[in-house]
Amino acid sequence: MKKISIKNYSKLIQQDEDFVHKLIKKDKVQVEKSDGKVKVLVDTHILKMLKSTMENLIEAELKLKELKKPKPMNKKAIDKKKKFLKSKTIIKKKVLKPKKKLLKKRSIKKT
């Protein structure tokens, strides 16, 4: 039996409580409480199973976090974006200026 702290496996227990409770009933997992800390005694082969499921959970969480984060752009892309935005603003300024009247009304002179 190996001692592991339950902190590392609290997420696993939240995810799969039934599995952990079954293990506790079969005396393959023992829980000890001492000075506010909870220790878990686990058989080594079960520990390997727990570790693999924990690793899968952690990998899934990391992938989710990566998907949620916007990907950082490389310098070339940032420069292109800045240039594009600058050109956009210049175009906008030009468009926003009031248009001069090119065609003036000409009065017809009588001769």
PDB file of N, CA and C in Angstrom:
ATOM      1  N   MET A   1       0.852  -1.200   0.000  1.00  0.00           N
ATOM      2  CA  MET A   1       0.000   0.000   0.000  1.00  0.00           C
ATOM      3  C   MET A   1       0.889   1.253   0.000  1.00  0.00           C
ATOM      4  N   LYS A   2       0.517   2.181  -0.867  1.00  0.00           N
ATOM      5  CA  LYS A   2       1.246   3.440  -0.934  1.00  0.00           C
ATOM      6  C   LYS A   2       0.382   4.547  -0.370  1.00  0.00           C
ATOM      7  N   LYS A   3       1.026   5.518   0.276  1.00  0.00           N
ATOM      8  CA  LYS A   3       0.281   6.669   0.785  1.00  0.00           C
ATOM      9  C   LYS A   3       0.307   7.775  -0.259  1.00  0.00           C
ATOM     10  N   ILE A   4      -0.856   8.317  -0.545  1.00  0.00           N
ATOM     11  CA  ILE A   4      -0.926   9.489  -1.419  1.00  0.00           C
ATOM     12  C   ILE A   4      -1.862  10.493  -0.766  1.00  0.00           C
ATOM     13  N   SER A   5      -1.625  11.775  -1.010  1.00  0.00           N
ATOM     14  CA  SER A   5      -2.534  12.758  -0.423  1.00  0.00           C
ATOM     15  C   SER A   5      -3.743  12.884  -1.330  1.00  0.00           C
ATOM     16  N   ILE A   6      -4.885  13.121  -0.721  1.00  0.00           N
ATOM     17  CA  ILE A   6      -6.135  13.146  -1.482  1.00  0.00           C
ATOM     18  C   ILE A   6      -6.254  14.414  -2.325  1.00  0.00           C
ATOM     19  N   LYS A   7      -5.424  15.429  -2.029  1.00  0.00           N
ATOM     20  CA  LYS A   7      -5.470  16.676  -2.811  1.00  0.00           C
ATOM     21  C   LYS A   7      -5.309  16.383  -4.294  1.00  0.00           C
ATOM     22  N   ASN A   8      -4.329  15.532  -4.609  1.00  0.00           N
ATOM     23  CA  ASN A   8      -4.046  15.219  -6.009  1.00  0.00           C
ATOM     24  C   ASN A   8      -5.214  14.512  -6.675  1.00  0.00           C
ATOM     25  N   TYR A   9      -5.974  13.782  -5.895  1.00  0.00           N
ATOM     26  CA  TYR A   9      -7.031  12.955  -6.475  1.00  0.00           C
ATOM     27  C   TYR A   9      -8.432  13.455  -6.158  1.00  0.00           C
ATOM     28  N   SER A  10      -8.523  14.678  -5.606  1.00  0.00           N
ATOM     29  CA  SER A  10      -9.854  15.192  -5.270  1.00  0.00           C
ATOM     30  C   SER A  10     -10.706  15.358  -6.524  1.00  0.00           C
ATOM     31  N   LYS A  11     -10.074  15.771  -7.633  1.00  0.00           N
ATOM     32  CA  LYS A  11     -10.837  15.932  -8.877  1.00  0.00           C
ATOM     33  C   LYS A  11     -11.334  14.586  -9.376  1.00  0.00           C
ATOM     34  N   LEU A  12     -10.481  13.583  -9.227  1.00  0.00           N
ATOM     35  CA  LEU A  12     -10.881  12.241  -9.649  1.00  0.00           C
ATOM     36  C   LEU A  12     -12.083  11.786  -8.836  1.00  0.00           C
ATOM     37  N   ILE A  13     -12.029  12.023  -7.549  1.00  0.00           N
ATOM     38  CA  ILE A  13     -13.122  11.601  -6.670  1.00  0.00           C
ATOM     39  C   ILE A  13     -14.401  12.349  -7.045  1.00  0.00           C
ATOM     40  N   GLN A  14     -14.268  13.640  -7.375  1.00  0.00           N
ATOM     41  CA  GLN A  14     -15.446  14.396  -7.809  1.00  0.00           C
ATOM     42  C   GLN A  14     -16.010  13.824  -9.101  1.00  0.00           C
ATOM     43  N   GLN A  15     -15.121  13.432 -10.002  1.00  0.00           N
ATOM     44  CA  GLN A  15     -15.560  12.917 -11.291  1.00  0.00           C
ATOM     45  C   GLN A  15     -16.192  11.535 -11.169  1.00  0.00           C
ATOM     46  N   ASP A  16     -15.567  10.677 -10.363  1.00  0.00           N
ATOM     47  CA  ASP A  16     -15.988   9.282 -10.336  1.00  0.00           C
ATOM     48  C   ASP A  16     -16.110   8.786  -8.896  1.00  0.00           C
ATOM     49  N   GLU A  17     -17.082   9.331  -8.171  1.00  0.00           N
ATOM     50  CA  GLU A  17     -17.235   8.986  -6.747  1.00  0.00           C
ATOM     51  C   GLU A  17     -17.577   7.511  -6.572  1.00  0.00           C
ATOM     52  N   ASP A  18     -18.432   6.980  -7.423  1.00  0.00           N
ATOM     53  CA  ASP A  18     -18.873   5.588  -7.281  1.00  0.00           C
ATOM     54  C   ASP A  18     -17.685   4.636  -7.326  1.00  0.00           C
ATOM     55  N   PHE A  19     -16.774   4.884  -8.274  1.00  0.00           N
ATOM     56  CA  PHE A  19     -15.590   4.045  -8.431  1.00  0.00           C
ATOM     57  C   PHE A  19     -14.760   4.040  -7.138  1.00  0.00           C
ATOM     58  N   VAL A  20     -14.543   5.227  -6.590  1.00  0.00           N
ATOM     59  CA  VAL A  20     -13.730   5.345  -5.367  1.00  0.00           C
ATOM     60  C   VAL A  20     -14.440   4.675  -4.200  1.00  0.00           C
ATOM     61  N   HIS A  21     -15.773   4.858  -4.096  1.00  0.00           N
ATOM     62  CA  HIS A  21     -16.515   4.239  -2.992  1.00  0.00           C
ATOM     63  C   HIS A  21     -16.489   2.712  -3.089  1.00  0.00           C
ATOM     64  N   LYS A  22     -16.569   2.201  -4.316  1.00  0.00           N
ATOM     65  CA  LYS A  22     -16.464   0.742  -4.493  1.00  0.00           C
ATOM     66  C   LYS A  22     -15.117   0.245  -4.011  1.00  0.00           C
ATOM     67  N   LEU A  23     -14.074   0.981  -4.348  1.00  0.00           N
ATOM     68  CA  LEU A  23     -12.729   0.593  -3.911  1.00  0.00           C
ATOM     69  C   LEU A  23     -12.628   0.618  -2.384  1.00  0.00           C
ATOM     70  N   ILE A  24     -13.238   1.630  -1.771  1.00  0.00           N
ATOM     71  CA  ILE A  24     -13.200   1.739  -0.308  1.00  0.00           C
ATOM     72  C   ILE A  24     -13.942   0.555   0.317  1.00  0.00           C
ATOM     73  N   LYS A  25     -15.101   0.178  -0.260  1.00  0.00           N
ATOM     74  CA  LYS A  25     -15.866  -0.960   0.271  1.00  0.00           C
ATOM     75  C   LYS A  25     -15.071  -2.260   0.183  1.00  0.00           C
ATOM     76  N   LYS A  26     -14.294  -2.412  -0.896  1.00  0.00           N
ATOM     77  CA  LYS A  26     -13.525  -3.645  -1.082  1.00  0.00           C
ATOM     78  C   LYS A  26     -12.205  -3.627  -0.308  1.00  0.00           C
ATOM     79  N   ASP A  27     -11.987  -2.590   0.503  1.00  0.00           N
ATOM     80  CA  ASP A  27     -10.760  -2.429   1.299  1.00  0.00           C
ATOM     81  C   ASP A  27      -9.504  -2.327   0.431  1.00  0.00           C
ATOM     82  N   LYS A  28      -9.674  -1.851  -0.786  1.00  0.00           N
ATOM     83  CA  LYS A  28      -8.494  -1.638  -1.622  1.00  0.00           C
ATOM     84  C   LYS A  28      -7.985  -0.213  -1.447  1.00  0.00           C
ATOM     85  N   VAL A  29      -8.848   0.637  -0.919  1.00  0.00           N
ATOM     86  CA  VAL A  29      -8.460   2.016  -0.619  1.00  0.00           C
ATOM     87  C   VAL A  29      -8.828   2.290   0.829  1.00  0.00           C
ATOM     88  N   GLN A  30      -7.866   2.813   1.578  1.00  0.00           N
ATOM     89  CA  GLN A  30      -8.144   3.174   2.960  1.00  0.00           C
ATOM     90  C   GLN A  30      -7.908   4.671   3.129  1.00  0.00           C
ATOM     91  N   VAL A  31      -8.814   5.308   3.856  1.00  0.00           N
ATOM     92  CA  VAL A  31      -8.700   6.753   4.064  1.00  0.00           C
ATOM     93  C   VAL A  31      -8.311   7.015   5.501  1.00  0.00           C
ATOM     94  N   GLU A  32      -7.265   7.801   5.690  1.00  0.00           N
ATOM     95  CA  GLU A  32      -6.833   8.179   7.035  1.00  0.00           C
ATOM     96  C   GLU A  32      -6.950   9.689   7.177  1.00  0.00           C
ATOM     97  N   LYS A  33      -7.448  10.127   8.349  1.00  0.00           N
ATOM     98  CA  LYS A  33      -7.505  11.557   8.619  1.00  0.00           C
ATOM     99  C   LYS A  33      -6.600  11.844   9.802  1.00  0.00           C
ATOM    100  N   SER A  34      -5.676  12.789   9.609  1.00  0.00           N
ATOM    101  CA  SER A  34      -4.794  13.164  10.716  1.00  0.00           C
ATOM    102  C   SER A  34      -4.431  14.631  10.602  1.00  0.00           C
ATOM    103  N   ASP A  35      -4.509  15.346  11.678  1.00  0.00           N
ATOM    104  CA  ASP A  35      -4.294  16.803  11.786  1.00  0.00           C
ATOM    105  C   ASP A  35      -4.785  17.586  10.552  1.00  0.00           C
ATOM    106  N   GLY A  36      -6.036  17.392  10.243  1.00  0.00           N
ATOM    107  CA  GLY A  36      -6.654  18.161   9.163  1.00  0.00           C
ATOM    108  C   GLY A  36      -6.289  17.689   7.763  1.00  0.00           C
ATOM    109  N   LYS A  37      -5.321  16.780   7.652  1.00  0.00           N
ATOM    110  CA  LYS A  37      -4.930  16.279   6.329  1.00  0.00           C
ATOM    111  C   LYS A  37      -5.556  14.908   6.110  1.00  0.00           C
ATOM    112  N   VAL A  38      -5.942  14.670   4.891  1.00  0.00           N
ATOM    113  CA  VAL A  38      -6.538  13.383   4.549  1.00  0.00           C
ATOM    114  C   VAL A  38      -5.532  12.599   3.723  1.00  0.00           C
ATOM    115  N   LYS A  39      -5.227  11.403   4.172  1.00  0.00           N
ATOM    116  CA  LYS A  39      -4.310  10.541   3.422  1.00  0.00           C
ATOM    117  C   LYS A  39      -5.083   9.343   2.905  1.00  0.00           C
ATOM    118  N   VAL A  40      -4.691   8.853   1.758  1.00  0.00           N
ATOM    119  CA  VAL A  40      -5.358   7.699   1.174  1.00  0.00           C
ATOM    120  C   VAL A  40      -4.322   6.610   0.969  1.00  0.00           C
ATOM    121  N   LEU A  41      -4.638   5.400   1.412  1.00  0.00           N
ATOM    122  CA  LEU A  41      -3.768   4.255   1.165  1.00  0.00           C
ATOM    123  C   LEU A  41      -4.348   3.469   0.001  1.00  0.00           C
ATOM    124  N   VAL A  42      -3.522   3.245  -1.009  1.00  0.00           N
ATOM    125  CA  VAL A  42      -4.012   2.608  -2.233  1.00  0.00           C
ATOM    126  C   VAL A  42      -3.054   1.498  -2.645  1.00  0.00           C
ATOM    127  N   ASP A  43      -3.619   0.393  -3.166  1.00  0.00           N
ATOM    128  CA  ASP A  43      -2.778  -0.642  -3.762  1.00  0.00           C
ATOM    129  C   ASP A  43      -2.082  -0.070  -4.990  1.00  0.00           C
ATOM    130  N   THR A  44      -0.873  -0.576  -5.264  1.00  0.00           N
ATOM    131  CA  THR A  44      -0.077   0.029  -6.342  1.00  0.00           C
ATOM    132  C   THR A  44      -0.741  -0.126  -7.709  1.00  0.00           C
ATOM    133  N   HIS A  45      -1.353  -1.283  -8.005  1.00  0.00           N
ATOM    134  CA  HIS A  45      -1.971  -1.439  -9.332  1.00  0.00           C
ATOM    135  C   HIS A  45      -3.175  -0.510  -9.499  1.00  0.00           C
ATOM    136  N   ILE A  46      -3.894  -0.272  -8.384  1.00  0.00           N
ATOM    137  CA  ILE A  46      -5.026   0.668  -8.432  1.00  0.00           C
ATOM    138  C   ILE A  46      -4.491   2.086  -8.566  1.00  0.00           C
ATOM    139  N   LEU A  47      -3.357   2.333  -7.908  1.00  0.00           N
ATOM    140  CA  LEU A  47      -2.737   3.653  -8.000  1.00  0.00           C
ATOM    141  C   LEU A  47      -2.393   3.970  -9.456  1.00  0.00           C
ATOM    142  N   LYS A  48      -1.895   2.963 -10.173  1.00  0.00           N
ATOM    143  CA  LYS A  48      -1.591   3.165 -11.596  1.00  0.00           C
ATOM    144  C   LYS A  48      -2.853   3.517 -12.370  1.00  0.00           C
ATOM    145  N   MET A  49      -3.954   2.811 -12.068  1.00  0.00           N
ATOM    146  CA  MET A  49      -5.228   3.102 -12.734  1.00  0.00           C
ATOM    147  C   MET A  49      -5.680   4.532 -12.422  1.00  0.00           C
ATOM    148  N   LEU A  50      -5.591   4.879 -11.123  1.00  0.00           N
ATOM    149  CA  LEU A  50      -6.001   6.219 -10.711  1.00  0.00           C
ATOM    150  C   LEU A  50      -5.143   7.267 -11.414  1.00  0.00           C
ATOM    151  N   LYS A  51      -3.832   7.004 -11.481  1.00  0.00           N
ATOM    152  CA  LYS A  51      -2.930   7.966 -12.117  1.00  0.00           C
ATOM    153  C   LYS A  51      -3.284   8.153 -13.580  1.00  0.00           C
ATOM    154  N   SER A  52      -3.556   7.046 -14.276  1.00  0.00           N
ATOM    155  CA  SER A  52      -3.864   7.174 -15.701  1.00  0.00           C
ATOM    156  C   SER A  52      -5.158   7.965 -15.905  1.00  0.00           C
ATOM    157  N   THR A  53      -6.167   7.700 -15.077  1.00  0.00           N
ATOM    158  CA  THR A  53      -7.425   8.454 -15.231  1.00  0.00           C
ATOM    159  C   THR A  53      -7.209   9.924 -14.872  1.00  0.00           C
ATOM    160  N   MET A  54      -6.373  10.159 -13.841  1.00  0.00           N
ATOM    161  CA  MET A  54      -6.081  11.550 -13.462  1.00  0.00           C
ATOM    162  C   MET A  54      -5.344  12.262 -14.595  1.00  0.00           C
ATOM    163  N   GLU A  55      -4.368  11.566 -15.191  1.00  0.00           N
ATOM    164  CA  GLU A  55      -3.619  12.178 -16.290  1.00  0.00           C
ATOM    165  C   GLU A  55      -4.560  12.522 -17.439  1.00  0.00           C
ATOM    166  N   ASN A  56      -5.485  11.625 -17.724  1.00  0.00           N
ATOM    167  CA  ASN A  56      -6.452  11.889 -18.798  1.00  0.00           C
ATOM    168  C   ASN A  56      -7.304  13.115 -18.470  1.00  0.00           C
ATOM    169  N   LEU A  57      -7.738  13.196 -17.201  1.00  0.00           N
ATOM    170  CA  LEU A  57      -8.540  14.348 -16.782  1.00  0.00           C
ATOM    171  C   LEU A  57      -7.737  15.635 -16.915  1.00  0.00           C
ATOM    172  N   ILE A  58      -6.481  15.594 -16.466  1.00  0.00           N
ATOM    173  CA  ILE A  58      -5.641  16.794 -16.521  1.00  0.00           C
ATOM    174  C   ILE A  58      -5.402  17.197 -17.972  1.00  0.00           C
ATOM    175  N   GLU A  59      -5.109  16.214 -18.838  1.00  0.00           N
ATOM    176  CA  GLU A  59      -4.898  16.515 -20.257  1.00  0.00           C
ATOM    177  C   GLU A  59      -6.145  17.141 -20.869  1.00  0.00           C
ATOM    178  N   ALA A  60      -7.310  16.593 -20.537  1.00  0.00           N
ATOM    179  CA  ALA A  60      -8.565  17.136 -21.070  1.00  0.00           C
ATOM    180  C   ALA A  60      -8.760  18.579 -20.611  1.00  0.00           C
ATOM    181  N   GLU A  61      -8.454  18.838 -19.323  1.00  0.00           N
ATOM    182  CA  GLU A  61      -8.598  20.201 -18.803  1.00  0.00           C
ATOM    183  C   GLU A  61      -7.650  21.155 -19.513  1.00  0.00           C
ATOM    184  N   LEU A  62      -6.400  20.716 -19.713  1.00  0.00           N
ATOM    185  CA  LEU A  62      -5.423  21.567 -20.398  1.00  0.00           C
ATOM    186  C   LEU A  62      -5.876  21.878 -21.819  1.00  0.00           C
ATOM    187  N   LYS A  63      -6.400  20.862 -22.505  1.00  0.00           N
ATOM    188  CA  LYS A  63      -6.879  21.082 -23.879  1.00  0.00           C
ATOM    189  C   LYS A  63      -8.020  22.084 -23.893  1.00  0.00           C
ATOM    190  N   LEU A  64      -8.921  21.963 -22.908  1.00  0.00           N
ATOM    191  CA  LEU A  64     -10.039  22.912 -22.829  1.00  0.00           C
ATOM    192  C   LEU A  64      -9.523  24.327 -22.611  1.00  0.00           C
ATOM    193  N   LYS A  65      -8.538  24.468 -21.705  1.00  0.00           N
ATOM    194  CA  LYS A  65      -7.980  25.796 -21.441  1.00  0.00           C
ATOM    195  C   LYS A  65      -7.326  26.359 -22.689  1.00  0.00           C
ATOM    196  N   GLU A  66      -6.595  25.511 -23.426  1.00  0.00           N
ATOM    197  CA  GLU A  66      -5.945  25.966 -24.656  1.00  0.00           C
ATOM    198  C   GLU A  66      -6.969  26.407 -25.684  1.00  0.00           C
ATOM    199  N   LEU A  67      -8.080  25.678 -25.770  1.00  0.00           N
ATOM    200  CA  LEU A  67      -9.109  26.041 -26.734  1.00  0.00           C
ATOM    201  C   LEU A  67      -9.754  27.369 -26.375  1.00  0.00           C
ATOM    202  N   LYS A  68      -9.907  27.616 -25.066  1.00  0.00           N
ATOM    203  CA  LYS A  68     -10.548  28.850 -24.635  1.00  0.00           C
ATOM    204  C   LYS A  68      -9.634  30.059 -24.839  1.00  0.00           C
ATOM    205  N   LYS A  69      -8.313  29.881 -24.673  1.00  0.00           N
ATOM    206  CA  LYS A  69      -7.376  30.992 -24.819  1.00  0.00           C
ATOM    207  C   LYS A  69      -7.196  31.335 -26.299  1.00  0.00           C
ATOM    208  N   PRO A  70      -7.123  32.638 -26.607  1.00  0.00           N
ATOM    209  CA  PRO A  70      -6.787  32.984 -27.982  1.00  0.00           C
ATOM    210  C   PRO A  70      -5.320  32.654 -28.234  1.00  0.00           C
ATOM    211  N   LYS A  71      -5.039  32.108 -29.395  1.00  0.00           N
ATOM    212  CA  LYS A  71      -3.660  31.718 -29.689  1.00  0.00           C
ATOM    213  C   LYS A  71      -2.806  32.968 -29.901  1.00  0.00           C
ATOM    214  N   PRO A  72      -1.603  33.018 -29.301  1.00  0.00           N
ATOM    215  CA  PRO A  72      -0.743  34.184 -29.508  1.00  0.00           C
ATOM    216  C   PRO A  72      -0.218  34.220 -30.951  1.00  0.00           C
ATOM    217  N   MET A  73      -0.225  35.411 -31.529  1.00  0.00           N
ATOM    218  CA  MET A  73       0.224  35.540 -32.913  1.00  0.00           C
ATOM    219  C   MET A  73       1.735  35.736 -32.953  1.00  0.00           C
ATOM    220  N   ASN A  74       2.344  35.297 -34.017  1.00  0.00           N
ATOM    221  CA  ASN A  74       3.772  35.540 -34.150  1.00  0.00           C
ATOM    222  C   ASN A  74       4.010  36.984 -34.584  1.00  0.00           C
ATOM    223  N   LYS A  75       5.277  37.432 -34.555  1.00  0.00           N
ATOM    224  CA  LYS A  75       5.578  38.843 -34.781  1.00  0.00           C
ATOM    225  C   LYS A  75       5.163  39.319 -36.170  1.00  0.00           C
ATOM    226  N   LYS A  76       5.358  38.468 -37.172  1.00  0.00           N
ATOM    227  CA  LYS A  76       4.988  38.868 -38.537  1.00  0.00           C
ATOM    228  C   LYS A  76       3.503  39.159 -38.629  1.00  0.00           C
ATOM    229  N   ALA A  77       2.724  38.273 -38.010  1.00  0.00           N
ATOM    230  CA  ALA A  77       1.267  38.450 -38.055  1.00  0.00           C
ATOM    231  C   ALA A  77       0.866  39.724 -37.319  1.00  0.00           C
ATOM    232  N   ILE A  78       1.525  39.992 -36.193  1.00  0.00           N
ATOM    233  CA  ILE A  78       1.213  41.203 -35.417  1.00  0.00           C
ATOM    234  C   ILE A  78       1.543  42.445 -36.247  1.00  0.00           C
ATOM    235  N   ASP A  79       2.734  42.430 -36.905  1.00  0.00           N
ATOM    236  CA  ASP A  79       3.127  43.568 -37.740  1.00  0.00           C
ATOM    237  C   ASP A  79       2.130  43.787 -38.871  1.00  0.00           C
ATOM    238  N   LYS A  80       1.724  42.696 -39.527  1.00  0.00           N
ATOM    239  CA  LYS A  80       0.748  42.802 -40.615  1.00  0.00           C
ATOM    240  C   LYS A  80      -0.554  43.402 -40.112  1.00  0.00           C
ATOM    241  N   LYS A  81      -0.971  42.929 -38.928  1.00  0.00           N
ATOM    242  CA  LYS A  81      -2.229  43.417 -38.375  1.00  0.00           C
ATOM    243  C   LYS A  81      -2.134  44.912 -38.070  1.00  0.00           C
ATOM    244  N   LYS A  82      -0.976  45.345 -37.498  1.00  0.00           N
ATOM    245  CA  LYS A  82      -0.788  46.759 -37.184  1.00  0.00           C
ATOM    246  C   LYS A  82      -0.822  47.605 -38.447  1.00  0.00           C
ATOM    247  N   LYS A  83      -0.100  47.133 -39.492  1.00  0.00           N
ATOM    248  CA  LYS A  83      -0.095  47.860 -40.751  1.00  0.00           C
ATOM    249  C   LYS A  83      -1.496  47.962 -41.326  1.00  0.00           C
ATOM    250  N   PHE A  84      -2.209  46.851 -41.286  1.00  0.00           N
ATOM    251  CA  PHE A  84      -3.573  46.816 -41.805  1.00  0.00           C
ATOM    252  C   PHE A  84      -4.453  47.814 -41.053  1.00  0.00           C
ATOM    253  N   LEU A  85      -4.328  47.808 -39.710  1.00  0.00           N
ATOM    254  CA  LEU A  85      -5.149  48.714 -38.908  1.00  0.00           C
ATOM    255  C   LEU A  85      -4.791  50.168 -39.199  1.00  0.00           C
ATOM    256  N   LYS A  86      -3.475  50.458 -39.378  1.00  0.00           N
ATOM    257  CA  LYS A  86      -3.062  51.820 -39.710  1.00  0.00           C
ATOM    258  C   LYS A  86      -3.662  52.248 -41.045  1.00  0.00           C
ATOM    259  N   SER A  87      -3.570  51.371 -42.036  1.00  0.00           N
ATOM    260  CA  SER A  87      -4.110  51.711 -43.356  1.00  0.00           C
ATOM    261  C   SER A  87      -5.625  51.906 -43.268  1.00  0.00           C
ATOM    262  N   LYS A  88      -6.269  51.102 -42.459  1.00  0.00           N
ATOM    263  CA  LYS A  88      -7.724  51.226 -42.284  1.00  0.00           C
ATOM    264  C   LYS A  88      -8.060  52.594 -41.729  1.00  0.00           C
ATOM    265  N   THR A  89      -7.301  53.026 -40.687  1.00  0.00           N
ATOM    266  CA  THR A  89      -7.610  54.306 -40.054  1.00  0.00           C
ATOM    267  C   THR A  89      -7.396  55.454 -41.027  1.00  0.00           C
ATOM    268  N   ILE A  90      -6.337  55.369 -41.841  1.00  0.00           N
ATOM    269  CA  ILE A  90      -6.088  56.424 -42.828  1.00  0.00           C
ATOM    270  C   ILE A  90      -7.237  56.479 -43.829  1.00  0.00           C
ATOM    271  N   ILE A  91      -7.662  55.340 -44.305  1.00  0.00           N
ATOM    272  CA  ILE A  91      -8.778  55.290 -45.249  1.00  0.00           C
ATOM    273  C   ILE A  91     -10.028  55.877 -44.608  1.00  0.00           C
ATOM    274  N   LYS A  92     -10.248  55.514 -43.358  1.00  0.00           N
ATOM    275  CA  LYS A  92     -11.427  56.036 -42.667  1.00  0.00           C
ATOM    276  C   LYS A  92     -11.364  57.551 -42.580  1.00  0.00           C
ATOM    277  N   LYS A  93     -10.166  58.088 -42.248  1.00  0.00           N
ATOM    278  CA  LYS A  93     -10.021  59.543 -42.138  1.00  0.00           C
ATOM    279  C   LYS A  93     -10.336  60.206 -43.471  1.00  0.00           C
ATOM    280  N   LYS A  94      -9.822  59.616 -44.547  1.00  0.00           N
ATOM    281  CA  LYS A  94     -10.068  60.181 -45.874  1.00  0.00           C
ATOM    282  C   LYS A  94     -11.554  60.150 -46.198  1.00  0.00           C
ATOM    283  N   VAL A  95     -12.199  59.065 -45.842  1.00  0.00           N
ATOM    284  CA  VAL A  95     -13.616  58.920 -46.162  1.00  0.00           C
ATOM    285  C   VAL A  95     -14.449  59.875 -45.323  1.00  0.00           C
ATOM    286  N   LEU A  96     -14.024  60.103 -44.097  1.00  0.00           N
ATOM    287  CA  LEU A  96     -14.815  60.918 -43.196  1.00  0.00           C
ATOM    288  C   LEU A  96     -14.744  62.423 -43.511  1.00  0.00           C
ATOM    289  N   LYS A  97     -13.721  62.846 -44.266  1.00  0.00           N
ATOM    290  CA  LYS A  97     -13.611  64.265 -44.607  1.00  0.00           C
ATOM    291  C   LYS A  97     -14.816  64.673 -45.460  1.00  0.00           C
ATOM    292  N   PRO A  98     -15.314  65.863 -45.245  1.00  0.00           N
ATOM    293  CA  PRO A  98     -16.457  66.296 -46.061  1.00  0.00           C
ATOM    294  C   PRO A  98     -16.042  66.446 -47.527  1.00  0.00           C
ATOM    295  N   LYS A  99     -16.868  65.962 -48.416  1.00  0.00           N
ATOM    296  CA  LYS A  99     -16.543  66.000 -49.841  1.00  0.00           C
ATOM    297  C   LYS A  99     -16.707  67.427 -50.378  1.00  0.00           C
ATOM    298  N   LYS A 100     -15.718  67.830 -51.178  1.00  0.00           N
ATOM    299  CA  LYS A 100     -15.797  69.148 -51.796  1.00  0.00           C
ATOM    300  C   LYS A 100     -16.730  69.054 -53.000  1.00  0.00           C
ATOM    301  N   LYS A 101     -17.456  70.120 -53.192  1.00  0.00           N
ATOM    302  CA  LYS A 101     -18.364  70.110 -54.333  1.00  0.00           C
ATOM    303  C   LYS A 101     -17.557  70.383 -55.592  1.00  0.00           C
ATOM    304  N   LEU A 102     -17.501  69.393 -56.425  1.00  0.00           N
ATOM    305  CA  LEU A 102     -16.732  69.547 -57.659  1.00  0.00           C
ATOM    306  C   LEU A 102     -17.533  70.292 -58.730  1.00  0.00           C
ATOM    307  N   LEU A 103     -18.780  69.997 -58.750  1.00  0.00           N
ATOM    308  CA  LEU A 103     -19.617  70.654 -59.759  1.00  0.00           C
ATOM    309  C   LEU A 103     -20.297  71.876 -59.145  1.00  0.00           C
ATOM    310  N   LYS A 104     -19.871  73.048 -59.614  1.00  0.00           N
ATOM    311  CA  LYS A 104     -20.498  74.268 -59.120  1.00  0.00           C
ATOM    312  C   LYS A 104     -21.565  74.696 -60.119  1.00  0.00           C
ATOM    313  N   LYS A 105     -22.568  75.259 -59.594  1.00  0.00           N
ATOM    314  CA  LYS A 105     -23.627  75.736 -60.495  1.00  0.00           C
ATOM    315  C   LYS A 105     -23.102  76.951 -61.258  1.00  0.00           C
ATOM    316  N   ARG A 106     -23.173  76.856 -62.551  1.00  0.00           N
ATOM    317  CA  ARG A 106     -22.708  77.968 -63.372  1.00  0.00           C
ATOM    318  C   ARG A 106     -23.918  78.732 -63.930  1.00  0.00           C
ATOM    319  N   SER A 107     -23.817  79.970 -63.743  1.00  0.00           N
ATOM    320  CA  SER A 107     -24.925  80.763 -64.280  1.00  0.00           C
ATOM    321  C   SER A 107     -24.699  81.008 -65.764  1.00  0.00           C
ATOM    322  N   ILE A 108     -25.711  80.901 -66.497  1.00  0.00           N
ATOM    323  CA  ILE A 108     -25.607  81.102 -67.947  1.00  0.00           C
ATOM    324  C   ILE A 108     -25.668  82.605 -68.218  1.00  0.00           C
ATOM    325  N   LYS A 109     -24.616  83.132 -68.860  1.00  0.00           N
ATOM    326  CA  LYS A 109     -24.565  84.572 -69.138  1.00  0.00           C
ATOM    327  C   LYS A 109     -25.282  84.843 -70.461  1.00  0.00           C
ATOM    328  N   LYS A 110     -26.098  85.869 -70.431  1.00  0.00           N
ATOM    329  CA  LYS A 110     -26.803  86.258 -71.653  1.00  0.00           C
ATOM    330  C   LYS A 110     -25.911  87.199 -72.447  1.00  0.00           C
ATOM    331  N   THR A 111     -25.796  86.957 -73.680  1.00  0.00           N
ATOM    332  CA  THR A 111     -24.986  87.851 -74.517  1.00  0.00           C
ATOM    333  C   THR A 111     -25.828  88.690 -75.440  1.00  0.00           C
TER     334      THR A 111
END
